[in-house]
Amino acid sequence: MIKRTLPLLIGLAVCSVAFAQDLPANTQSATTTTQTTTTVSSWTAEPPAGALTEEGIKTAIADAGFKEVKDLEFKDGVWRSKARGGNKQWVELAVGPVSGKVYVNKAPSKLNKDEISAKLAAAGYQNVHDVEYEEGLWNAEAKTAHGQDVELLIDPDDGSVVAKSRD
């Protein structure tokens, strides 16, 4: 009986390897397409309702002590630009579209990763992950109370959400 089942088992093993090689290629293609679509469409190209105008953003940057502003554009949920301060050095900035608060790239954060995660959880976000400090703001991914995936930009001083996008 073993002599009869052994060829059958070998045949099944070879067939399963052949089928297994086809499935990941199709799955990989579908996953890549979905991820590309999400990345392209996640942040809106326009500031949200109630946001400051471009002139209002320039005024907020000037009020923060910066003299010259260049390359101002709305990107990834916030206004981004370069500005020159009192030390005459150019720095990269992010500016909250509604609050007008200026965030300097490479400035230290008052809150750490765990505190940011806790603030987001207290605000009702679930499954907070991929929390990183970049370009003057904390970035995180989470789910809303309704289960929607979102990408967040968070204030490094108080942990409030500066911008939110569907992930």
N, C-alpha and C. Protein backbone atom coordinates (compact mmCIF):
# COMPACT_ATOMS: atom_id res chain seq x y z
N MET A 1 0.82 -1.18 0.00
CA MET A 1 0.00 0.00 0.00
C MET A 1 0.87 1.26 0.00
N ILE A 2 1.98 1.26 0.72
CA ILE A 2 2.88 2.41 0.75
C ILE A 2 3.44 2.66 -0.64
N LYS A 3 3.72 1.61 -1.39
CA LYS A 3 4.26 1.77 -2.74
C LYS A 3 3.26 2.47 -3.65
N ARG A 4 1.97 2.30 -3.41
CA ARG A 4 0.96 2.93 -4.25
C ARG A 4 0.70 4.39 -3.84
N THR A 5 0.77 4.71 -2.56
CA THR A 5 0.46 6.07 -2.11
C THR A 5 1.66 7.01 -2.24
N LEU A 6 2.85 6.45 -2.22
CA LEU A 6 4.04 7.31 -2.33
C LEU A 6 4.07 8.07 -3.66
N PRO A 7 3.85 7.44 -4.83
CA PRO A 7 3.82 8.21 -6.08
C PRO A 7 2.69 9.25 -6.08
N LEU A 8 1.56 8.93 -5.46
CA LEU A 8 0.45 9.87 -5.40
C LEU A 8 0.83 11.10 -4.57
N LEU A 9 1.47 10.90 -3.43
CA LEU A 9 1.90 12.01 -2.58
C LEU A 9 2.95 12.88 -3.28
N ILE A 10 3.87 12.24 -3.99
CA ILE A 10 4.89 13.00 -4.72
C ILE A 10 4.22 13.84 -5.82
N GLY A 11 3.28 13.25 -6.52
CA GLY A 11 2.56 13.97 -7.58
C GLY A 11 1.79 15.17 -7.02
N LEU A 12 1.11 14.98 -5.90
CA LEU A 12 0.39 16.08 -5.26
C LEU A 12 1.35 17.19 -4.80
N ALA A 13 2.49 16.81 -4.26
CA ALA A 13 3.46 17.81 -3.80
C ALA A 13 3.98 18.64 -4.98
N VAL A 14 4.26 17.99 -6.12
CA VAL A 14 4.75 18.71 -7.29
C VAL A 14 3.67 19.65 -7.82
N CYS A 15 2.44 19.19 -7.89
CA CYS A 15 1.34 20.03 -8.38
C CYS A 15 1.10 21.22 -7.46
N SER A 16 1.15 21.00 -6.16
CA SER A 16 0.91 22.11 -5.24
C SER A 16 2.00 23.16 -5.33
N VAL A 17 3.23 22.76 -5.59
CA VAL A 17 4.31 23.72 -5.78
C VAL A 17 4.06 24.52 -7.05
N ALA A 18 3.62 23.88 -8.12
CA ALA A 18 3.34 24.58 -9.37
C ALA A 18 2.21 25.59 -9.18
N PHE A 19 1.14 25.19 -8.51
CA PHE A 19 0.03 26.12 -8.27
C PHE A 19 0.43 27.24 -7.33
N ALA A 20 1.23 26.96 -6.34
CA ALA A 20 1.65 27.99 -5.37
C ALA A 20 2.48 29.06 -6.04
N GLN A 21 3.21 28.71 -7.07
CA GLN A 21 4.03 29.71 -7.75
C GLN A 21 3.17 30.68 -8.55
N ASP A 22 2.03 30.27 -9.06
CA ASP A 22 1.17 31.16 -9.84
C ASP A 22 0.41 32.14 -8.95
N LEU A 23 -0.07 31.73 -7.80
CA LEU A 23 -0.91 32.57 -6.97
C LEU A 23 -0.21 33.82 -6.42
N PRO A 24 0.99 33.75 -5.85
CA PRO A 24 1.59 34.97 -5.34
C PRO A 24 1.81 36.03 -6.41
N ALA A 25 2.12 35.64 -7.65
CA ALA A 25 2.35 36.63 -8.70
C ALA A 25 1.08 37.43 -8.94
N ASN A 26 -0.08 36.77 -9.00
CA ASN A 26 -1.35 37.48 -9.20
C ASN A 26 -1.70 38.32 -7.98
N THR A 27 -1.50 37.76 -6.79
CA THR A 27 -1.78 38.51 -5.57
C THR A 27 -0.86 39.71 -5.46
N GLN A 28 0.40 39.56 -5.78
CA GLN A 28 1.36 40.67 -5.72
C GLN A 28 0.92 41.80 -6.63
N SER A 29 0.48 41.47 -7.83
CA SER A 29 0.06 42.49 -8.79
C SER A 29 -1.14 43.27 -8.26
N ALA A 30 -2.12 42.57 -7.68
CA ALA A 30 -3.30 43.26 -7.15
C ALA A 30 -2.91 44.14 -5.98
N THR A 31 -2.02 43.67 -5.10
CA THR A 31 -1.59 44.45 -3.95
C THR A 31 -0.86 45.70 -4.39
N THR A 32 0.02 45.59 -5.35
CA THR A 32 0.78 46.75 -5.83
C THR A 32 -0.14 47.80 -6.41
N THR A 33 -1.14 47.40 -7.18
CA THR A 33 -2.07 48.35 -7.77
C THR A 33 -2.84 49.08 -6.68
N THR A 34 -3.31 48.38 -5.67
CA THR A 34 -4.06 49.01 -4.59
C THR A 34 -3.18 49.99 -3.83
N GLN A 35 -1.95 49.62 -3.52
CA GLN A 35 -1.07 50.51 -2.77
C GLN A 35 -0.75 51.76 -3.58
N THR A 36 -0.54 51.64 -4.85
CA THR A 36 -0.25 52.81 -5.68
C THR A 36 -1.43 53.76 -5.69
N THR A 37 -2.64 53.24 -5.81
CA THR A 37 -3.82 54.09 -5.81
C THR A 37 -3.96 54.81 -4.48
N THR A 38 -3.75 54.11 -3.37
CA THR A 38 -3.85 54.73 -2.05
C THR A 38 -2.84 55.84 -1.89
N THR A 39 -1.60 55.59 -2.27
CA THR A 39 -0.56 56.59 -2.11
C THR A 39 -0.85 57.83 -2.93
N VAL A 40 -1.32 57.68 -4.14
CA VAL A 40 -1.57 58.82 -5.01
C VAL A 40 -2.74 59.65 -4.50
N SER A 41 -3.78 59.03 -3.99
CA SER A 41 -4.99 59.76 -3.67
C SER A 41 -5.18 60.07 -2.20
N SER A 42 -4.22 59.77 -1.32
CA SER A 42 -4.47 59.90 0.10
C SER A 42 -4.62 61.34 0.56
N TRP A 43 -3.72 62.24 0.22
CA TRP A 43 -3.83 63.63 0.67
C TRP A 43 -4.50 64.45 -0.42
N THR A 44 -5.39 65.33 -0.02
CA THR A 44 -6.04 66.19 -0.99
C THR A 44 -5.05 67.23 -1.49
N ALA A 45 -5.28 67.72 -2.68
CA ALA A 45 -4.39 68.71 -3.29
C ALA A 45 -4.72 70.13 -2.83
N GLU A 46 -5.84 70.30 -2.17
CA GLU A 46 -6.28 71.61 -1.72
C GLU A 46 -6.39 71.64 -0.19
N PRO A 47 -6.17 72.80 0.41
CA PRO A 47 -6.35 72.93 1.86
C PRO A 47 -7.80 72.61 2.24
N PRO A 48 -8.03 72.16 3.48
CA PRO A 48 -9.39 71.81 3.90
C PRO A 48 -10.27 73.05 4.09
N ALA A 49 -11.55 72.82 4.23
CA ALA A 49 -12.48 73.93 4.50
C ALA A 49 -12.08 74.62 5.79
N GLY A 50 -12.15 75.93 5.80
CA GLY A 50 -11.78 76.69 6.99
C GLY A 50 -10.29 76.98 7.11
N ALA A 51 -9.53 76.59 6.09
CA ALA A 51 -8.08 76.81 6.13
C ALA A 51 -7.74 78.26 5.84
N LEU A 52 -6.58 78.67 6.31
CA LEU A 52 -6.07 80.00 6.01
C LEU A 52 -5.72 80.11 4.53
N THR A 53 -5.78 81.32 4.00
CA THR A 53 -5.36 81.55 2.63
C THR A 53 -3.84 81.53 2.55
N GLU A 54 -3.31 81.54 1.36
CA GLU A 54 -1.86 81.57 1.18
C GLU A 54 -1.27 82.82 1.85
N GLU A 55 -1.94 83.94 1.74
CA GLU A 55 -1.47 85.17 2.40
C GLU A 55 -1.50 85.03 3.91
N GLY A 56 -2.54 84.37 4.43
CA GLY A 56 -2.63 84.11 5.86
C GLY A 56 -1.49 83.23 6.36
N ILE A 57 -1.11 82.25 5.54
CA ILE A 57 0.01 81.36 5.89
C ILE A 57 1.31 82.16 5.91
N LYS A 58 1.51 83.04 4.91
CA LYS A 58 2.71 83.87 4.87
C LYS A 58 2.78 84.78 6.09
N THR A 59 1.64 85.31 6.50
CA THR A 59 1.59 86.15 7.71
C THR A 59 1.95 85.34 8.95
N ALA A 60 1.44 84.11 9.05
CA ALA A 60 1.76 83.24 10.19
C ALA A 60 3.26 82.95 10.24
N ILE A 61 3.86 82.73 9.09
CA ILE A 61 5.31 82.46 9.03
C ILE A 61 6.07 83.71 9.48
N ALA A 62 5.66 84.87 9.03
CA ALA A 62 6.31 86.13 9.43
C ALA A 62 6.14 86.36 10.93
N ASP A 63 4.94 86.06 11.46
CA ASP A 63 4.68 86.23 12.89
C ASP A 63 5.54 85.28 13.73
N ALA A 64 5.97 84.17 13.14
CA ALA A 64 6.83 83.22 13.84
C ALA A 64 8.30 83.65 13.81
N GLY A 65 8.58 84.80 13.16
CA GLY A 65 9.94 85.34 13.18
C GLY A 65 10.76 85.09 11.94
N PHE A 66 10.13 84.66 10.87
CA PHE A 66 10.86 84.41 9.64
C PHE A 66 10.68 85.57 8.67
N LYS A 67 11.78 85.94 8.00
CA LYS A 67 11.79 87.12 7.14
C LYS A 67 11.40 86.80 5.70
N GLU A 68 12.08 85.88 5.09
CA GLU A 68 11.85 85.54 3.68
C GLU A 68 11.20 84.16 3.59
N VAL A 69 10.29 84.03 2.64
CA VAL A 69 9.60 82.76 2.42
C VAL A 69 9.73 82.41 0.94
N LYS A 70 10.06 81.17 0.66
CA LYS A 70 10.09 80.73 -0.74
C LYS A 70 9.56 79.31 -0.85
N ASP A 71 9.15 78.96 -2.06
CA ASP A 71 8.66 77.62 -2.38
C ASP A 71 7.46 77.21 -1.53
N LEU A 72 6.55 78.13 -1.27
CA LEU A 72 5.37 77.82 -0.48
C LEU A 72 4.39 77.02 -1.33
N GLU A 73 4.01 75.84 -0.83
CA GLU A 73 3.04 74.99 -1.53
C GLU A 73 2.28 74.14 -0.53
N PHE A 74 1.04 73.81 -0.88
CA PHE A 74 0.25 72.92 -0.05
C PHE A 74 0.57 71.49 -0.47
N LYS A 75 1.10 70.71 0.47
CA LYS A 75 1.55 69.35 0.13
C LYS A 75 1.37 68.44 1.35
N ASP A 76 0.84 67.26 1.13
CA ASP A 76 0.68 66.25 2.18
C ASP A 76 -0.09 66.76 3.39
N GLY A 77 -1.12 67.56 3.16
CA GLY A 77 -2.00 67.99 4.23
C GLY A 77 -1.62 69.27 4.95
N VAL A 78 -0.44 69.81 4.68
CA VAL A 78 0.02 71.05 5.31
C VAL A 78 0.68 71.95 4.28
N TRP A 79 0.88 73.21 4.64
CA TRP A 79 1.67 74.11 3.80
C TRP A 79 3.13 73.84 4.09
N ARG A 80 3.94 73.77 3.05
CA ARG A 80 5.39 73.55 3.22
C ARG A 80 6.13 74.65 2.49
N SER A 81 7.24 75.08 3.09
CA SER A 81 8.06 76.12 2.46
C SER A 81 9.44 76.13 3.08
N LYS A 82 10.26 77.01 2.56
CA LYS A 82 11.56 77.30 3.14
C LYS A 82 11.49 78.75 3.58
N ALA A 83 12.13 79.07 4.69
CA ALA A 83 12.12 80.44 5.18
C ALA A 83 13.45 80.75 5.84
N ARG A 84 13.74 82.03 5.89
CA ARG A 84 14.98 82.48 6.51
C ARG A 84 14.62 83.23 7.79
N GLY A 85 15.27 82.84 8.87
CA GLY A 85 15.00 83.47 10.16
C GLY A 85 16.04 84.53 10.50
N GLY A 86 16.08 84.90 11.78
CA GLY A 86 17.00 85.92 12.27
C GLY A 86 18.46 85.55 12.10
N ASN A 87 18.77 84.26 12.08
CA ASN A 87 20.16 83.83 11.91
C ASN A 87 20.55 83.73 10.43
N LYS A 88 19.66 84.13 9.56
CA LYS A 88 19.86 84.16 8.10
C LYS A 88 20.05 82.79 7.47
N GLN A 89 19.75 81.72 8.22
CA GLN A 89 19.84 80.36 7.69
C GLN A 89 18.46 79.95 7.16
N TRP A 90 18.45 79.27 6.03
CA TRP A 90 17.20 78.75 5.48
C TRP A 90 16.81 77.49 6.23
N VAL A 91 15.54 77.38 6.58
CA VAL A 91 15.01 76.18 7.22
C VAL A 91 13.75 75.75 6.48
N GLU A 92 13.46 74.48 6.57
CA GLU A 92 12.23 73.95 5.98
C GLU A 92 11.13 74.01 7.03
N LEU A 93 9.94 74.42 6.60
CA LEU A 93 8.82 74.58 7.51
C LEU A 93 7.61 73.80 7.03
N ALA A 94 6.78 73.44 7.98
CA ALA A 94 5.43 72.96 7.71
C ALA A 94 4.52 73.89 8.50
N VAL A 95 3.37 74.22 7.93
CA VAL A 95 2.44 75.13 8.59
C VAL A 95 1.06 74.49 8.59
N GLY A 96 0.44 74.41 9.76
CA GLY A 96 -0.91 73.87 9.87
C GLY A 96 -1.88 74.69 9.04
N PRO A 97 -2.67 74.05 8.18
CA PRO A 97 -3.52 74.80 7.26
C PRO A 97 -4.63 75.60 7.94
N VAL A 98 -5.12 75.14 9.07
CA VAL A 98 -6.20 75.83 9.76
C VAL A 98 -5.66 76.71 10.88
N SER A 99 -4.73 76.18 11.66
CA SER A 99 -4.21 76.91 12.82
C SER A 99 -3.15 77.96 12.44
N GLY A 100 -2.42 77.70 11.37
CA GLY A 100 -1.32 78.59 10.99
C GLY A 100 -0.09 78.40 11.86
N LYS A 101 -0.08 77.36 12.69
CA LYS A 101 1.08 77.09 13.54
C LYS A 101 2.24 76.62 12.68
N VAL A 102 3.43 77.16 12.96
CA VAL A 102 4.63 76.87 12.17
C VAL A 102 5.44 75.78 12.87
N TYR A 103 5.82 74.76 12.09
CA TYR A 103 6.62 73.65 12.59
C TYR A 103 7.93 73.63 11.82
N VAL A 104 9.04 73.76 12.53
CA VAL A 104 10.35 73.80 11.90
C VAL A 104 10.90 72.38 11.78
N ASN A 105 11.34 72.04 10.57
CA ASN A 105 11.95 70.74 10.33
C ASN A 105 13.18 70.59 11.22
N LYS A 106 13.36 69.45 11.80
CA LYS A 106 14.49 69.11 12.66
C LYS A 106 14.46 69.78 14.02
N ALA A 107 13.38 70.47 14.36
CA ALA A 107 13.24 71.00 15.73
C ALA A 107 12.87 69.83 16.63
N PRO A 108 13.32 69.83 17.87
CA PRO A 108 12.99 68.71 18.76
C PRO A 108 11.51 68.69 19.12
N SER A 109 11.01 67.51 19.38
CA SER A 109 9.62 67.33 19.79
C SER A 109 9.52 67.35 21.31
N LYS A 110 8.48 67.97 21.83
CA LYS A 110 8.25 67.96 23.28
C LYS A 110 7.68 66.61 23.73
N LEU A 111 7.02 65.91 22.82
CA LEU A 111 6.41 64.63 23.14
C LEU A 111 7.18 63.50 22.48
N ASN A 112 7.17 62.33 23.12
CA ASN A 112 7.83 61.17 22.51
C ASN A 112 6.79 60.28 21.83
N LYS A 113 7.27 59.23 21.21
CA LYS A 113 6.42 58.32 20.43
C LYS A 113 5.27 57.74 21.26
N ASP A 114 5.57 57.30 22.48
CA ASP A 114 4.53 56.70 23.33
C ASP A 114 3.48 57.74 23.74
N GLU A 115 3.92 58.96 24.01
CA GLU A 115 2.97 60.02 24.37
C GLU A 115 2.06 60.37 23.19
N ILE A 116 2.62 60.39 21.99
CA ILE A 116 1.81 60.65 20.79
C ILE A 116 0.77 59.55 20.63
N SER A 117 1.18 58.30 20.76
CA SER A 117 0.24 57.17 20.64
C SER A 117 -0.87 57.27 21.67
N ALA A 118 -0.51 57.64 22.90
CA ALA A 118 -1.50 57.77 23.97
C ALA A 118 -2.48 58.92 23.69
N LYS A 119 -1.98 60.04 23.18
CA LYS A 119 -2.84 61.19 22.85
C LYS A 119 -3.84 60.80 21.75
N LEU A 120 -3.36 60.07 20.75
CA LEU A 120 -4.25 59.65 19.66
C LEU A 120 -5.31 58.67 20.17
N ALA A 121 -4.90 57.76 21.04
CA ALA A 121 -5.86 56.81 21.61
C ALA A 121 -6.92 57.56 22.44
N ALA A 122 -6.48 58.56 23.20
CA ALA A 122 -7.41 59.36 24.00
C ALA A 122 -8.37 60.15 23.10
N ALA A 123 -7.93 60.50 21.90
CA ALA A 123 -8.77 61.23 20.95
C ALA A 123 -9.71 60.30 20.18
N GLY A 124 -9.66 58.98 20.47
CA GLY A 124 -10.59 58.04 19.84
C GLY A 124 -10.02 57.24 18.69
N TYR A 125 -8.74 57.41 18.37
CA TYR A 125 -8.14 56.63 17.29
C TYR A 125 -7.75 55.26 17.82
N GLN A 126 -7.85 54.25 16.97
CA GLN A 126 -7.56 52.87 17.35
C GLN A 126 -6.44 52.33 16.46
N ASN A 127 -5.80 51.27 16.92
CA ASN A 127 -4.75 50.59 16.15
C ASN A 127 -3.69 51.58 15.64
N VAL A 128 -3.23 52.46 16.49
CA VAL A 128 -2.23 53.46 16.11
C VAL A 128 -0.92 52.73 15.86
N HIS A 129 -0.31 53.02 14.70
CA HIS A 129 0.96 52.37 14.36
C HIS A 129 1.77 53.25 13.42
N ASP A 130 2.98 52.82 13.13
CA ASP A 130 3.91 53.54 12.26
C ASP A 130 4.07 55.00 12.69
N VAL A 131 4.26 55.21 13.98
CA VAL A 131 4.42 56.55 14.54
C VAL A 131 5.88 56.97 14.36
N GLU A 132 6.09 58.05 13.60
CA GLU A 132 7.46 58.53 13.31
C GLU A 132 7.48 60.05 13.34
N TYR A 133 8.61 60.60 13.76
CA TYR A 133 8.79 62.05 13.77
C TYR A 133 9.61 62.44 12.56
N GLU A 134 8.99 63.21 11.65
CA GLU A 134 9.65 63.62 10.41
C GLU A 134 9.23 65.03 10.04
N GLU A 135 10.17 65.81 9.57
CA GLU A 135 9.91 67.14 9.02
C GLU A 135 9.11 68.04 9.97
N GLY A 136 9.40 67.94 11.27
CA GLY A 136 8.78 68.82 12.24
C GLY A 136 7.43 68.39 12.76
N LEU A 137 6.89 67.27 12.26
CA LEU A 137 5.59 66.77 12.69
C LEU A 137 5.67 65.26 12.93
N TRP A 138 4.83 64.77 13.81
CA TRP A 138 4.69 63.34 13.98
C TRP A 138 3.75 62.82 12.90
N ASN A 139 4.05 61.66 12.35
CA ASN A 139 3.20 60.96 11.38
C ASN A 139 2.74 59.67 12.03
N ALA A 140 1.50 59.29 11.78
CA ALA A 140 1.00 58.02 12.30
C ALA A 140 -0.13 57.53 11.40
N GLU A 141 -0.35 56.23 11.47
CA GLU A 141 -1.49 55.61 10.81
C GLU A 141 -2.36 55.02 11.89
N ALA A 142 -3.68 55.08 11.67
CA ALA A 142 -4.61 54.58 12.68
C ALA A 142 -5.96 54.30 12.03
N LYS A 143 -6.90 53.89 12.87
CA LYS A 143 -8.29 53.72 12.44
C LYS A 143 -9.15 54.69 13.25
N THR A 144 -10.15 55.26 12.59
CA THR A 144 -11.09 56.12 13.30
C THR A 144 -12.03 55.24 14.11
N ALA A 145 -12.88 55.85 14.92
CA ALA A 145 -13.86 55.11 15.71
C ALA A 145 -14.82 54.34 14.80
N HIS A 146 -14.98 54.78 13.55
CA HIS A 146 -15.85 54.12 12.58
C HIS A 146 -15.11 53.06 11.76
N GLY A 147 -13.82 52.82 12.07
CA GLY A 147 -13.05 51.79 11.40
C GLY A 147 -12.37 52.21 10.11
N GLN A 148 -12.39 53.51 9.80
CA GLN A 148 -11.75 53.99 8.57
C GLN A 148 -10.24 54.17 8.80
N ASP A 149 -9.42 53.68 7.87
CA ASP A 149 -7.97 53.87 7.95
C ASP A 149 -7.63 55.31 7.62
N VAL A 150 -6.78 55.93 8.45
CA VAL A 150 -6.37 57.31 8.21
C VAL A 150 -4.87 57.46 8.45
N GLU A 151 -4.32 58.45 7.78
CA GLU A 151 -2.94 58.87 8.03
C GLU A 151 -3.04 60.22 8.70
N LEU A 152 -2.23 60.42 9.74
CA LEU A 152 -2.34 61.63 10.54
C LEU A 152 -1.01 62.37 10.62
N LEU A 153 -1.08 63.69 10.69
CA LEU A 153 0.06 64.53 11.03
C LEU A 153 -0.27 65.14 12.38
N ILE A 154 0.66 65.03 13.33
CA ILE A 154 0.39 65.40 14.71
C ILE A 154 1.35 66.45 15.21
N ASP A 155 0.82 67.42 15.98
CA ASP A 155 1.59 68.50 16.58
C ASP A 155 2.58 67.91 17.60
N PRO A 156 3.87 68.24 17.50
CA PRO A 156 4.87 67.68 18.41
C PRO A 156 4.83 68.31 19.81
N ASP A 157 4.07 69.39 19.98
CA ASP A 157 4.01 70.06 21.28
C ASP A 157 2.84 69.59 22.14
N ASP A 158 1.66 69.39 21.52
CA ASP A 158 0.49 69.03 22.31
C ASP A 158 -0.21 67.74 21.87
N GLY A 159 0.24 67.13 20.77
CA GLY A 159 -0.33 65.88 20.29
C GLY A 159 -1.65 66.02 19.56
N SER A 160 -2.03 67.23 19.20
CA SER A 160 -3.27 67.42 18.44
C SER A 160 -3.05 67.07 16.97
N VAL A 161 -4.12 66.69 16.31
CA VAL A 161 -4.04 66.33 14.89
C VAL A 161 -4.04 67.59 14.06
N VAL A 162 -3.00 67.75 13.24
CA VAL A 162 -2.86 68.92 12.37
C VAL A 162 -3.54 68.67 11.03
N ALA A 163 -3.40 67.45 10.51
CA ALA A 163 -4.01 67.08 9.24
C ALA A 163 -4.33 65.60 9.25
N LYS A 164 -5.38 65.24 8.50
CA LYS A 164 -5.83 63.85 8.44
C LYS A 164 -6.18 63.51 7.01
N SER A 165 -5.85 62.29 6.61
CA SER A 165 -6.14 61.85 5.26
C SER A 165 -6.58 60.40 5.30
N ARG A 166 -7.43 60.02 4.35
CA ARG A 166 -7.80 58.61 4.23
C ARG A 166 -6.58 57.86 3.76
N ASP A 167 -6.36 56.73 4.39
CA ASP A 167 -5.19 55.92 4.04
C ASP A 167 -5.59 54.82 3.09
